[in-house]
ModelCIF file with pLDDT and N, C-alpha, C, O atoms, coordinates in Angstrom:
data_MODEL
#
_entry.id   MODEL 
#
_entity.id                         1 
_entity.type                       polymer 
_entity.pdbx_number_of_molecules   1 
#
_entity_poly.entity_id                      1 
_entity_poly.type                           'polypeptide(L)' 
_entity_poly.nstd_linkage                   no 
_entity_poly.nstd_monomer                   no 
_entity_poly.pdbx_seq_one_letter_code       APGKERELVARTTSDGNADYADSVKGRFTISRDNTKNTV 
_entity_poly.pdbx_seq_one_letter_code_can   APGKERELVARTTSDGNADYADSVKGRFTISRDNTKNTV 
_entity_poly.pdbx_strand_id                 A 
#
loop_
_entity_poly_seq.entity_id 
_entity_poly_seq.num 
_entity_poly_seq.mon_id 
_entity_poly_seq.hetero 
1 1  ALA n 
1 2  PRO n 
1 3  GLY n 
1 4  LYS n 
1 5  GLU n 
1 6  ARG n 
1 7  GLU n 
1 8  LEU n 
1 9  VAL n 
1 10 ALA n 
1 11 ARG n 
1 12 THR n 
1 13 THR n 
1 14 SER n 
1 15 ASP n 
1 16 GLY n 
1 17 ASN n 
1 18 ALA n 
1 19 ASP n 
1 20 TYR n 
1 21 ALA n 
1 22 ASP n 
1 23 SER n 
1 24 VAL n 
1 25 LYS n 
1 26 GLY n 
1 27 ARG n 
1 28 PHE n 
1 29 THR n 
1 30 ILE n 
1 31 SER n 
1 32 ARG n 
1 33 ASP n 
1 34 ASN n 
1 35 THR n 
1 36 LYS n 
1 37 ASN n 
1 38 THR n 
1 39 VAL n 
#
_struct_asym.id          A 
_struct_asym.entity_id   1 
#
loop_
_ma_qa_metric.id 
_ma_qa_metric.mode 
_ma_qa_metric.name 
_ma_qa_metric.software_group_id 
_ma_qa_metric.type 
1 global pLDDT . pLDDT 
2 local  pLDDT . pLDDT 
#
_ma_qa_metric_global.metric_id      1 
_ma_qa_metric_global.metric_value   95.08 
_ma_qa_metric_global.model_id       1 
_ma_qa_metric_global.ordinal_id     1 
#
loop_
_ma_qa_metric_local.label_asym_id 
_ma_qa_metric_local.label_comp_id 
_ma_qa_metric_local.label_seq_id 
_ma_qa_metric_local.metric_id 
_ma_qa_metric_local.metric_value 
_ma_qa_metric_local.model_id 
_ma_qa_metric_local.ordinal_id 
A ALA 1  2 95.00 1 1  
A PRO 2  2 88.00 1 2  
A GLY 3  2 91.00 1 3  
A LYS 4  2 95.00 1 4  
A GLU 5  2 96.00 1 5  
A ARG 6  2 97.00 1 6  
A GLU 7  2 97.00 1 7  
A LEU 8  2 98.00 1 8  
A VAL 9  2 98.00 1 9  
A ALA 10 2 98.00 1 10 
A ARG 11 2 98.00 1 11 
A THR 12 2 96.00 1 12 
A THR 13 2 91.00 1 13 
A SER 14 2 85.00 1 14 
A ASP 15 2 85.00 1 15 
A GLY 16 2 83.00 1 16 
A ASN 17 2 93.00 1 17 
A ALA 18 2 97.00 1 18 
A ASP 19 2 97.00 1 19 
A TYR 20 2 98.00 1 20 
A ALA 21 2 98.00 1 21 
A ASP 22 2 98.00 1 22 
A SER 23 2 97.00 1 23 
A VAL 24 2 98.00 1 24 
A LYS 25 2 98.00 1 25 
A GLY 26 2 97.00 1 26 
A ARG 27 2 98.00 1 27 
A PHE 28 2 98.00 1 28 
A THR 29 2 98.00 1 29 
A ILE 30 2 97.00 1 30 
A SER 31 2 96.00 1 31 
A ARG 32 2 95.00 1 32 
A ASP 33 2 94.00 1 33 
A ASN 34 2 92.00 1 34 
A THR 35 2 93.00 1 35 
A LYS 36 2 95.00 1 36 
A ASN 37 2 96.00 1 37 
A THR 38 2 97.00 1 38 
A VAL 39 2 97.00 1 39 
#
loop_
_atom_site.group_PDB 
_atom_site.id 
_atom_site.type_symbol 
_atom_site.label_atom_id 
_atom_site.label_alt_id 
_atom_site.label_comp_id 
_atom_site.label_asym_id 
_atom_site.label_entity_id 
_atom_site.label_seq_id 
_atom_site.pdbx_PDB_ins_code 
_atom_site.Cartn_x 
_atom_site.Cartn_y 
_atom_site.Cartn_z 
_atom_site.occupancy 
_atom_site.B_iso_or_equiv 
_atom_site.pdbx_formal_charge 
_atom_site.auth_seq_id 
_atom_site.auth_comp_id 
_atom_site.auth_asym_id 
_atom_site.auth_atom_id 
_atom_site.pdbx_PDB_model_num 
ATOM 1   N N  . ALA A 1 1  ? 22.634 0.261  -11.794 1.00 95.00 ? 1  ALA A N  1 
ATOM 2   C CA . ALA A 1 1  ? 23.144 -0.892 -12.480 1.00 95.00 ? 1  ALA A CA 1 
ATOM 3   C C  . ALA A 1 1  ? 24.468 -0.468 -13.184 1.00 95.00 ? 1  ALA A C  1 
ATOM 4   O O  . ALA A 1 1  ? 24.680 0.711  -13.465 1.00 95.00 ? 1  ALA A O  1 
ATOM 5   N N  . PRO A 1 2  ? 25.338 -1.454 -13.453 1.00 88.00 ? 2  PRO A N  1 
ATOM 6   C CA . PRO A 1 2  ? 26.620 -1.119 -14.145 1.00 88.00 ? 2  PRO A CA 1 
ATOM 7   C C  . PRO A 1 2  ? 26.386 -0.381 -15.475 1.00 88.00 ? 2  PRO A C  1 
ATOM 8   O O  . PRO A 1 2  ? 25.602 -0.817 -16.318 1.00 88.00 ? 2  PRO A O  1 
ATOM 9   N N  . GLY A 1 3  ? 27.080 0.730  -15.630 1.00 91.00 ? 3  GLY A N  1 
ATOM 10  C CA . GLY A 1 3  ? 26.987 1.519  -16.861 1.00 91.00 ? 3  GLY A CA 1 
ATOM 11  C C  . GLY A 1 3  ? 25.790 2.449  -16.900 1.00 91.00 ? 3  GLY A C  1 
ATOM 12  O O  . GLY A 1 3  ? 25.611 3.173  -17.879 1.00 91.00 ? 3  GLY A O  1 
ATOM 13  N N  . LYS A 1 4  ? 24.970 2.449  -15.866 1.00 95.00 ? 4  LYS A N  1 
ATOM 14  C CA . LYS A 1 4  ? 23.799 3.270  -15.848 1.00 95.00 ? 4  LYS A CA 1 
ATOM 15  C C  . LYS A 1 4  ? 23.902 4.335  -14.737 1.00 95.00 ? 4  LYS A C  1 
ATOM 16  O O  . LYS A 1 4  ? 24.649 4.181  -13.770 1.00 95.00 ? 4  LYS A O  1 
ATOM 17  N N  . GLU A 1 5  ? 23.133 5.407  -14.910 1.00 96.00 ? 5  GLU A N  1 
ATOM 18  C CA . GLU A 1 5  ? 23.066 6.487  -13.942 1.00 96.00 ? 5  GLU A CA 1 
ATOM 19  C C  . GLU A 1 5  ? 22.306 6.031  -12.688 1.00 96.00 ? 5  GLU A C  1 
ATOM 20  O O  . GLU A 1 5  ? 21.341 5.272  -12.786 1.00 96.00 ? 5  GLU A O  1 
ATOM 21  N N  . ARG A 1 6  ? 22.742 6.494  -11.522 1.00 97.00 ? 6  ARG A N  1 
ATOM 22  C CA . ARG A 1 6  ? 22.023 6.234  -10.295 1.00 97.00 ? 6  ARG A CA 1 
ATOM 23  C C  . ARG A 1 6  ? 20.697 6.932  -10.354 1.00 97.00 ? 6  ARG A C  1 
ATOM 24  O O  . ARG A 1 6  ? 20.627 8.099  -10.742 1.00 97.00 ? 6  ARG A O  1 
ATOM 25  N N  . GLU A 1 7  ? 19.611 6.225  -9.967  1.00 97.00 ? 7  GLU A N  1 
ATOM 26  C CA . GLU A 1 7  ? 18.283 6.794  -10.069 1.00 97.00 ? 7  GLU A CA 1 
ATOM 27  C C  . GLU A 1 7  ? 17.525 6.664  -8.754  1.00 97.00 ? 7  GLU A C  1 
ATOM 28  O O  . GLU A 1 7  ? 17.748 5.738  -7.974  1.00 97.00 ? 7  GLU A O  1 
ATOM 29  N N  . LEU A 1 8  ? 16.630 7.612  -8.531  1.00 98.00 ? 8  LEU A N  1 
ATOM 30  C CA . LEU A 1 8  ? 15.781 7.589  -7.318  1.00 98.00 ? 8  LEU A CA 1 
ATOM 31  C C  . LEU A 1 8  ? 14.772 6.459  -7.435  1.00 98.00 ? 8  LEU A C  1 
ATOM 32  O O  . LEU A 1 8  ? 14.141 6.288  -8.478  1.00 98.00 ? 8  LEU A O  1 
ATOM 33  N N  . VAL A 1 9  ? 14.618 5.688  -6.362  1.00 98.00 ? 9  VAL A N  1 
ATOM 34  C CA . VAL A 1 9  ? 13.577 4.686  -6.245  1.00 98.00 ? 9  VAL A CA 1 
ATOM 35  C C  . VAL A 1 9  ? 12.444 5.228  -5.372  1.00 98.00 ? 9  VAL A C  1 
ATOM 36  O O  . VAL A 1 9  ? 11.284 5.243  -5.784  1.00 98.00 ? 9  VAL A O  1 
ATOM 37  N N  . ALA A 1 10 ? 12.789 5.668  -4.177  1.00 98.00 ? 10 ALA A N  1 
ATOM 38  C CA . ALA A 1 10 ? 11.809 6.238  -3.277  1.00 98.00 ? 10 ALA A CA 1 
ATOM 39  C C  . ALA A 1 10 ? 12.503 7.087  -2.217  1.00 98.00 ? 10 ALA A C  1 
ATOM 40  O O  . ALA A 1 10 ? 13.663 6.849  -1.884  1.00 98.00 ? 10 ALA A O  1 
ATOM 41  N N  . ARG A 1 11 ? 11.794 8.070  -1.694  1.00 98.00 ? 11 ARG A N  1 
ATOM 42  C CA . ARG A 1 11 ? 12.321 8.897  -0.640  1.00 98.00 ? 11 ARG A CA 1 
ATOM 43  C C  . ARG A 1 11 ? 11.192 9.350  0.262   1.00 98.00 ? 11 ARG A C  1 
ATOM 44  O O  . ARG A 1 11 ? 10.035 9.411  -0.156  1.00 98.00 ? 11 ARG A O  1 
ATOM 45  N N  . THR A 1 12 ? 11.531 9.665  1.496   1.00 96.00 ? 12 THR A N  1 
ATOM 46  C CA . THR A 1 12 ? 10.519 10.077 2.464   1.00 96.00 ? 12 THR A CA 1 
ATOM 47  C C  . THR A 1 12 ? 11.088 11.149 3.397   1.00 96.00 ? 12 THR A C  1 
ATOM 48  O O  . THR A 1 12 ? 12.264 11.114 3.757   1.00 96.00 ? 12 THR A O  1 
ATOM 49  N N  . THR A 1 13 ? 10.246 12.087 3.776   1.00 91.00 ? 13 THR A N  1 
ATOM 50  C CA . THR A 1 13 ? 10.620 13.114 4.729   1.00 91.00 ? 13 THR A CA 1 
ATOM 51  C C  . THR A 1 13 ? 10.287 12.659 6.149   1.00 91.00 ? 13 THR A C  1 
ATOM 52  O O  . THR A 1 13 ? 9.629  11.639 6.354   1.00 91.00 ? 13 THR A O  1 
ATOM 53  N N  . SER A 1 14 ? 10.753 13.433 7.117   1.00 85.00 ? 14 SER A N  1 
ATOM 54  C CA . SER A 1 14 ? 10.549 13.057 8.502   1.00 85.00 ? 14 SER A CA 1 
ATOM 55  C C  . SER A 1 14 ? 9.097  13.038 8.913   1.00 85.00 ? 14 SER A C  1 
ATOM 56  O O  . SER A 1 14 ? 8.729  12.345 9.861   1.00 85.00 ? 14 SER A O  1 
ATOM 57  N N  . ASP A 1 15 ? 8.250  13.802 8.201   1.00 85.00 ? 15 ASP A N  1 
ATOM 58  C CA . ASP A 1 15 ? 6.841  13.833 8.540   1.00 85.00 ? 15 ASP A CA 1 
ATOM 59  C C  . ASP A 1 15 ? 6.004  12.810 7.782   1.00 85.00 ? 15 ASP A C  1 
ATOM 60  O O  . ASP A 1 15 ? 4.779  12.787 7.894   1.00 85.00 ? 15 ASP A O  1 
ATOM 61  N N  . GLY A 1 16 ? 6.690  11.953 6.999   1.00 83.00 ? 16 GLY A N  1 
ATOM 62  C CA . GLY A 1 16 ? 5.975  10.862 6.378   1.00 83.00 ? 16 GLY A CA 1 
ATOM 63  C C  . GLY A 1 16 ? 5.621  11.002 4.914   1.00 83.00 ? 16 GLY A C  1 
ATOM 64  O O  . GLY A 1 16 ? 5.134  10.040 4.319   1.00 83.00 ? 16 GLY A O  1 
ATOM 65  N N  . ASN A 1 17 ? 5.843  12.149 4.309   1.00 93.00 ? 17 ASN A N  1 
ATOM 66  C CA . ASN A 1 17 ? 5.568  12.311 2.901   1.00 93.00 ? 17 ASN A CA 1 
ATOM 67  C C  . ASN A 1 17 ? 6.562  11.479 2.083   1.00 93.00 ? 17 ASN A C  1 
ATOM 68  O O  . ASN A 1 17 ? 7.746  11.409 2.412   1.00 93.00 ? 17 ASN A O  1 
ATOM 69  N N  . ALA A 1 18 ? 6.076  10.868 1.045   1.00 97.00 ? 18 ALA A N  1 
ATOM 70  C CA . ALA A 1 18 ? 6.896  9.957  0.248   1.00 97.00 ? 18 ALA A CA 1 
ATOM 71  C C  . ALA A 1 18 ? 6.739  10.201 -1.259  1.00 97.00 ? 18 ALA A C  1 
ATOM 72  O O  . ALA A 1 18 ? 5.665  10.568 -1.735  1.00 97.00 ? 18 ALA A O  1 
ATOM 73  N N  . ASP A 1 19 ? 7.814  9.992  -1.982  1.00 97.00 ? 19 ASP A N  1 
ATOM 74  C CA . ASP A 1 19 ? 7.808  10.042 -3.455  1.00 97.00 ? 19 ASP A CA 1 
ATOM 75  C C  . ASP A 1 19 ? 8.395  8.757  -3.979  1.00 97.00 ? 19 ASP A C  1 
ATOM 76  O O  . ASP A 1 19 ? 9.300  8.181  -3.374  1.00 97.00 ? 19 ASP A O  1 
ATOM 77  N N  . TYR A 1 20 ? 7.875  8.302  -5.118  1.00 98.00 ? 20 TYR A N  1 
ATOM 78  C CA . TYR A 1 20 ? 8.316  7.085  -5.743  1.00 98.00 ? 20 TYR A CA 1 
ATOM 79  C C  . TYR A 1 20 ? 8.616  7.299  -7.233  1.00 98.00 ? 20 TYR A C  1 
ATOM 80  O O  . TYR A 1 20 ? 8.004  8.137  -7.895  1.00 98.00 ? 20 TYR A O  1 
ATOM 81  N N  . ALA A 1 21 ? 9.563  6.526  -7.731  1.00 98.00 ? 21 ALA A N  1 
ATOM 82  C CA . ALA A 1 21 ? 9.730  6.463  -9.185  1.00 98.00 ? 21 ALA A CA 1 
ATOM 83  C C  . ALA A 1 21 ? 8.452  5.850  -9.786  1.00 98.00 ? 21 ALA A C  1 
ATOM 84  O O  . ALA A 1 21 ? 7.841  4.965  -9.187  1.00 98.00 ? 21 ALA A O  1 
ATOM 85  N N  . ASP A 1 22 ? 8.060  6.332  -10.975 1.00 98.00 ? 22 ASP A N  1 
ATOM 86  C CA . ASP A 1 22 ? 6.833  5.853  -11.591 1.00 98.00 ? 22 ASP A CA 1 
ATOM 87  C C  . ASP A 1 22 ? 6.839  4.342  -11.785 1.00 98.00 ? 22 ASP A C  1 
ATOM 88  O O  . ASP A 1 22 ? 5.797  3.695  -11.680 1.00 98.00 ? 22 ASP A O  1 
ATOM 89  N N  . SER A 1 23 ? 8.010  3.783  -12.067 1.00 97.00 ? 23 SER A N  1 
ATOM 90  C CA . SER A 1 23 ? 8.093  2.348  -12.352 1.00 97.00 ? 23 SER A CA 1 
ATOM 91  C C  . SER A 1 23 ? 7.822  1.452  -11.173 1.00 97.00 ? 23 SER A C  1 
ATOM 92  O O  . SER A 1 23 ? 7.552  0.264  -11.348 1.00 97.00 ? 23 SER A O  1 
ATOM 93  N N  . VAL A 1 24 ? 7.892  2.016  -9.926  1.00 98.00 ? 24 VAL A N  1 
ATOM 94  C CA . VAL A 1 24 ? 7.716  1.189  -8.745  1.00 98.00 ? 24 VAL A CA 1 
ATOM 95  C C  . VAL A 1 24 ? 6.440  1.493  -7.982  1.00 98.00 ? 24 VAL A C  1 
ATOM 96  O O  . VAL A 1 24 ? 6.138  0.812  -7.002  1.00 98.00 ? 24 VAL A O  1 
ATOM 97  N N  . LYS A 1 25 ? 5.690  2.486  -8.400  1.00 98.00 ? 25 LYS A N  1 
ATOM 98  C CA . LYS A 1 25 ? 4.447  2.867  -7.696  1.00 98.00 ? 25 LYS A CA 1 
ATOM 99  C C  . LYS A 1 25 ? 3.504  1.692  -7.683  1.00 98.00 ? 25 LYS A C  1 
ATOM 100 O O  . LYS A 1 25 ? 3.285  1.034  -8.700  1.00 98.00 ? 25 LYS A O  1 
ATOM 101 N N  . GLY A 1 26 ? 2.936  1.434  -6.493  1.00 97.00 ? 26 GLY A N  1 
ATOM 102 C CA . GLY A 1 26 ? 1.997  0.351  -6.337  1.00 97.00 ? 26 GLY A CA 1 
ATOM 103 C C  . GLY A 1 26 ? 2.655  -0.976 -5.938  1.00 97.00 ? 26 GLY A C  1 
ATOM 104 O O  . GLY A 1 26 ? 1.964  -1.898 -5.506  1.00 97.00 ? 26 GLY A O  1 
ATOM 105 N N  . ARG A 1 27 ? 3.964  -1.079 -6.078  1.00 98.00 ? 27 ARG A N  1 
ATOM 106 C CA . ARG A 1 27 ? 4.682  -2.281 -5.736  1.00 98.00 ? 27 ARG A CA 1 
ATOM 107 C C  . ARG A 1 27 ? 5.696  -2.093 -4.559  1.00 98.00 ? 27 ARG A C  1 
ATOM 108 O O  . ARG A 1 27 ? 5.912  -3.002 -3.757  1.00 98.00 ? 27 ARG A O  1 
ATOM 109 N N  . PHE A 1 28 ? 6.274  -0.936 -4.497  1.00 98.00 ? 28 PHE A N  1 
ATOM 110 C CA . PHE A 1 28 ? 7.266  -0.660 -3.445  1.00 98.00 ? 28 PHE A CA 1 
ATOM 111 C C  . PHE A 1 28 ? 6.654  0.301  -2.407  1.00 98.00 ? 28 PHE A C  1 
ATOM 112 O O  . PHE A 1 28 ? 5.844  1.171  -2.727  1.00 98.00 ? 28 PHE A O  1 
ATOM 113 N N  . THR A 1 29 ? 7.080  0.102  -1.160  1.00 98.00 ? 29 THR A N  1 
ATOM 114 C CA . THR A 1 29 ? 6.648  0.991  -0.075  1.00 98.00 ? 29 THR A CA 1 
ATOM 115 C C  . THR A 1 29 ? 7.832  1.403  0.789   1.00 98.00 ? 29 THR A C  1 
ATOM 116 O O  . THR A 1 29 ? 8.556  0.542  1.288   1.00 98.00 ? 29 THR A O  1 
ATOM 117 N N  . ILE A 1 30 ? 8.035  2.660  0.968   1.00 97.00 ? 30 ILE A N  1 
ATOM 118 C CA . ILE A 1 30 ? 9.089  3.169  1.855   1.00 97.00 ? 30 ILE A CA 1 
ATOM 119 C C  . ILE A 1 30 ? 8.476  3.551  3.194   1.00 97.00 ? 30 ILE A C  1 
ATOM 120 O O  . ILE A 1 30 ? 7.367  4.082  3.258   1.00 97.00 ? 30 ILE A O  1 
ATOM 121 N N  . SER A 1 31 ? 9.213  3.274  4.255   1.00 96.00 ? 31 SER A N  1 
ATOM 122 C CA . SER A 1 31 ? 8.768  3.607  5.604   1.00 96.00 ? 31 SER A CA 1 
ATOM 123 C C  . SER A 1 31 ? 9.984  3.887  6.453   1.00 96.00 ? 31 SER A C  1 
ATOM 124 O O  . SER A 1 31 ? 11.103 3.560  6.057   1.00 96.00 ? 31 SER A O  1 
ATOM 125 N N  . ARG A 1 32 ? 9.791  4.485  7.609   1.00 95.00 ? 32 ARG A N  1 
ATOM 126 C CA . ARG A 1 32 ? 10.883 4.792  8.465   1.00 95.00 ? 32 ARG A CA 1 
ATOM 127 C C  . ARG A 1 32 ? 10.543 4.738  9.952   1.00 95.00 ? 32 ARG A C  1 
ATOM 128 O O  . ARG A 1 32 ? 9.387  4.931  10.330  1.00 95.00 ? 32 ARG A O  1 
ATOM 129 N N  . ASP A 1 33 ? 11.508 4.484  10.771  1.00 94.00 ? 33 ASP A N  1 
ATOM 130 C CA . ASP A 1 33 ? 11.363 4.506  12.220  1.00 94.00 ? 33 ASP A CA 1 
ATOM 131 C C  . ASP A 1 33 ? 12.329 5.571  12.718  1.00 94.00 ? 33 ASP A C  1 
ATOM 132 O O  . ASP A 1 33 ? 13.532 5.320  12.784  1.00 94.00 ? 33 ASP A O  1 
ATOM 133 N N  . ASN A 1 34 ? 11.844 6.726  13.061  1.00 92.00 ? 34 ASN A N  1 
ATOM 134 C CA . ASN A 1 34 ? 12.700 7.833  13.477  1.00 92.00 ? 34 ASN A CA 1 
ATOM 135 C C  . ASN A 1 34 ? 13.395 7.594  14.828  1.00 92.00 ? 34 ASN A C  1 
ATOM 136 O O  . ASN A 1 34 ? 14.442 8.183  15.095  1.00 92.00 ? 34 ASN A O  1 
ATOM 137 N N  . THR A 1 35 ? 12.827 6.746  15.666  1.00 93.00 ? 35 THR A N  1 
ATOM 138 C CA . THR A 1 35 ? 13.458 6.475  16.942  1.00 93.00 ? 35 THR A CA 1 
ATOM 139 C C  . THR A 1 35 ? 14.660 5.566  16.757  1.00 93.00 ? 35 THR A C  1 
ATOM 140 O O  . THR A 1 35 ? 15.502 5.500  17.653  1.00 93.00 ? 35 THR A O  1 
ATOM 141 N N  . LYS A 1 36 ? 14.781 4.860  15.635  1.00 95.00 ? 36 LYS A N  1 
ATOM 142 C CA . LYS A 1 36 ? 15.902 3.982  15.360  1.00 95.00 ? 36 LYS A CA 1 
ATOM 143 C C  . LYS A 1 36 ? 16.772 4.490  14.229  1.00 95.00 ? 36 LYS A C  1 
ATOM 144 O O  . LYS A 1 36 ? 17.733 3.819  13.854  1.00 95.00 ? 36 LYS A O  1 
ATOM 145 N N  . ASN A 1 37 ? 16.471 5.646  13.676  1.00 96.00 ? 37 ASN A N  1 
ATOM 146 C CA . ASN A 1 37 ? 17.196 6.204  12.549  1.00 96.00 ? 37 ASN A CA 1 
ATOM 147 C C  . ASN A 1 37 ? 17.295 5.182  11.382  1.00 96.00 ? 37 ASN A C  1 
ATOM 148 O O  . ASN A 1 37 ? 18.354 4.981  10.787  1.00 96.00 ? 37 ASN A O  1 
ATOM 149 N N  . THR A 1 38 ? 16.167 4.566  11.101  1.00 97.00 ? 38 THR A N  1 
ATOM 150 C CA . THR A 1 38 ? 16.129 3.490  10.151  1.00 97.00 ? 38 THR A CA 1 
ATOM 151 C C  . THR A 1 38 ? 15.067 3.731  9.102   1.00 97.00 ? 38 THR A C  1 
ATOM 152 O O  . THR A 1 38 ? 13.963 4.179  9.412   1.00 97.00 ? 38 THR A O  1 
ATOM 153 N N  . VAL A 1 39 ? 15.404 3.433  7.862   1.00 97.00 ? 39 VAL A N  1 
ATOM 154 C CA . VAL A 1 39 ? 14.436 3.483  6.743   1.00 97.00 ? 39 VAL A CA 1 
ATOM 155 C C  . VAL A 1 39 ? 14.380 2.133  6.113   1.00 97.00 ? 39 VAL A C  1 
ATOM 156 O O  . VAL A 1 39 ? 13.637 1.931  5.153   1.00 97.00 ? 39 VAL A O  1 
#
């Protein structure tokens, strides 16, 4: 957001492990399609 530091929301490794910011756990879901290079 303007004037704020960039913060992690979610990230995932190629084998499917994922981490989330505490504020979004249970509401946000990260996923990826490795064949399409898409997250």
